[in-house]
Amino acid sequence: MGMRTTHLVQTFVLKRKRLSPGEQIQAPTASGALKRAEAMAGRTPGTAALSIVADDETGELESATILGRFGEVPDDFAESLGG
């Protein structure tokens, strides 16, 4: 059972005046995810850089960490990561 860490940028878009998840973009490193999220925040209402650790075989989520938030991110976003 091997664990794999994935770094993502989650964008947020406005739908019916509410923030909703948009595109997810994979980044090679945590610092890369932070830089990309910060850069994209100027083009979207908000972004978050994430580090996800999951079981490589089953895909089961071990942990999800928000590395940074830029712009508008839903208040309950951190809670929704835990499932």
C-alpha atoms as a PDB file:
ATOM      1  CA  MET A   1       0.000   0.000   0.000  1.00  0.00           C
ATOM      2  CA  GLY A   2       1.761   3.152  -1.227  1.00  0.00           C
ATOM      3  CA  MET A   3       0.676   6.689  -0.561  1.00  0.00           C
ATOM      4  CA  ARG A   4       0.731   9.283  -3.319  1.00  0.00           C
ATOM      5  CA  THR A   5       0.750  13.053  -2.847  1.00  0.00           C
ATOM      6  CA  THR A   6      -0.925  15.174  -5.499  1.00  0.00           C
ATOM      7  CA  HIS A   7      -0.809  18.960  -5.651  1.00  0.00           C
ATOM      8  CA  LEU A   8      -3.818  20.720  -7.137  1.00  0.00           C
ATOM      9  CA  VAL A   9      -5.190  24.154  -7.851  1.00  0.00           C
ATOM     10  CA  GLN A  10      -8.956  24.362  -7.362  1.00  0.00           C
ATOM     11  CA  THR A  11     -10.646  27.316  -9.044  1.00  0.00           C
ATOM     12  CA  PHE A  12     -13.968  28.797  -7.997  1.00  0.00           C
ATOM     13  CA  VAL A  13     -16.560  30.371 -10.268  1.00  0.00           C
ATOM     14  CA  LEU A  14     -19.769  32.271  -9.624  1.00  0.00           C
ATOM     15  CA  LYS A  15     -22.952  30.348 -10.487  1.00  0.00           C
ATOM     16  CA  ARG A  16     -26.250  31.982  -9.584  1.00  0.00           C
ATOM     17  CA  LYS A  17     -24.408  34.389  -7.279  1.00  0.00           C
ATOM     18  CA  ARG A  18     -22.792  31.518  -5.336  1.00  0.00           C
ATOM     19  CA  LEU A  19     -19.199  30.304  -5.400  1.00  0.00           C
ATOM     20  CA  SER A  20     -18.916  26.843  -6.928  1.00  0.00           C
ATOM     21  CA  PRO A  21     -15.904  24.650  -7.687  1.00  0.00           C
ATOM     22  CA  GLY A  22     -14.519  25.174 -11.168  1.00  0.00           C
ATOM     23  CA  GLU A  23     -11.549  23.604 -12.885  1.00  0.00           C
ATOM     24  CA  GLN A  24      -8.933  21.509 -11.047  1.00  0.00           C
ATOM     25  CA  ILE A  25      -5.376  21.788 -12.323  1.00  0.00           C
ATOM     26  CA  GLN A  26      -2.598  19.453 -11.226  1.00  0.00           C
ATOM     27  CA  ALA A  27       0.776  20.972 -10.283  1.00  0.00           C
ATOM     28  CA  PRO A  28       4.119  19.142  -9.957  1.00  0.00           C
ATOM     29  CA  THR A  29       4.997  20.576  -6.522  1.00  0.00           C
ATOM     30  CA  ALA A  30       3.394  22.327  -3.563  1.00  0.00           C
ATOM     31  CA  SER A  31       5.185  25.582  -4.371  1.00  0.00           C
ATOM     32  CA  GLY A  32       4.087  25.222  -8.008  1.00  0.00           C
ATOM     33  CA  ALA A  33       0.474  24.846  -6.891  1.00  0.00           C
ATOM     34  CA  LEU A  34       0.757  27.973  -4.719  1.00  0.00           C
ATOM     35  CA  LYS A  35       2.294  30.039  -7.523  1.00  0.00           C
ATOM     36  CA  ARG A  36      -0.274  28.889 -10.063  1.00  0.00           C
ATOM     37  CA  ALA A  37      -3.191  29.491  -7.685  1.00  0.00           C
ATOM     38  CA  GLU A  38      -1.973  33.002  -6.926  1.00  0.00           C
ATOM     39  CA  ALA A  39      -1.525  33.786 -10.622  1.00  0.00           C
ATOM     40  CA  MET A  40      -4.955  32.402 -11.562  1.00  0.00           C
ATOM     41  CA  ALA A  41      -6.733  34.328  -8.795  1.00  0.00           C
ATOM     42  CA  GLY A  42      -6.644  37.419 -10.989  1.00  0.00           C
ATOM     43  CA  ARG A  43      -8.736  35.639 -13.647  1.00  0.00           C
ATOM     44  CA  THR A  44     -11.237  33.840 -11.403  1.00  0.00           C
ATOM     45  CA  PRO A  45     -13.200  34.865  -8.305  1.00  0.00           C
ATOM     46  CA  GLY A  46     -10.945  32.626  -6.193  1.00  0.00           C
ATOM     47  CA  THR A  47      -8.499  29.736  -6.085  1.00  0.00           C
ATOM     48  CA  ALA A  48      -7.053  27.350  -3.535  1.00  0.00           C
ATOM     49  CA  ALA A  49      -3.814  25.363  -3.634  1.00  0.00           C
ATOM     50  CA  LEU A  50      -4.155  21.852  -2.202  1.00  0.00           C
ATOM     51  CA  SER A  51      -1.996  18.917  -1.239  1.00  0.00           C
ATOM     52  CA  ILE A  52      -3.876  15.597  -1.363  1.00  0.00           C
ATOM     53  CA  VAL A  53      -2.475  12.344   0.071  1.00  0.00           C
ATOM     54  CA  ALA A  54      -4.269   9.178  -1.050  1.00  0.00           C
ATOM     55  CA  ASP A  55      -3.663   5.446  -1.177  1.00  0.00           C
ATOM     56  CA  ASP A  56      -2.144   4.658  -4.561  1.00  0.00           C
ATOM     57  CA  GLU A  57      -4.020   1.338  -4.901  1.00  0.00           C
ATOM     58  CA  THR A  58      -7.483   2.084  -3.527  1.00  0.00           C
ATOM     59  CA  GLY A  59      -7.650   5.847  -4.073  1.00  0.00           C
ATOM     60  CA  GLU A  60      -8.799   6.269  -0.462  1.00  0.00           C
ATOM     61  CA  LEU A  61      -8.152   9.790   0.812  1.00  0.00           C
ATOM     62  CA  GLU A  62      -5.653   9.962   3.679  1.00  0.00           C
ATOM     63  CA  SER A  63      -5.487  13.751   4.054  1.00  0.00           C
ATOM     64  CA  ALA A  64      -6.178  16.977   2.223  1.00  0.00           C
ATOM     65  CA  THR A  65      -4.386  20.186   3.163  1.00  0.00           C
ATOM     66  CA  ILE A  66      -5.132  23.692   1.934  1.00  0.00           C
ATOM     67  CA  LEU A  67      -1.753  25.256   1.176  1.00  0.00           C
ATOM     68  CA  GLY A  68      -3.148  28.680   0.315  1.00  0.00           C
ATOM     69  CA  ARG A  69      -6.312  30.596  -0.580  1.00  0.00           C
ATOM     70  CA  PHE A  70      -6.494  33.504  -2.995  1.00  0.00           C
ATOM     71  CA  GLY A  71      -9.526  35.659  -3.682  1.00  0.00           C
ATOM     72  CA  GLU A  72     -12.931  34.327  -2.703  1.00  0.00           C
ATOM     73  CA  VAL A  73     -13.074  30.743  -1.441  1.00  0.00           C
ATOM     74  CA  PRO A  74     -16.253  29.289   0.123  1.00  0.00           C
ATOM     75  CA  ASP A  75     -16.213  29.323   3.929  1.00  0.00           C
ATOM     76  CA  ASP A  76     -17.091  25.619   4.094  1.00  0.00           C
ATOM     77  CA  PHE A  77     -14.459  24.519   1.546  1.00  0.00           C
ATOM     78  CA  ALA A  78     -12.050  23.137   4.175  1.00  0.00           C
ATOM     79  CA  GLU A  79     -14.857  21.086   5.746  1.00  0.00           C
ATOM     80  CA  SER A  80     -15.907  19.652   2.381  1.00  0.00           C
ATOM     81  CA  LEU A  81     -12.406  18.216   1.805  1.00  0.00           C
ATOM     82  CA  GLY A  82     -12.771  15.779   4.666  1.00  0.00           C
ATOM     83  CA  GLY A  83     -15.783  14.151   3.044  1.00  0.00           C
END
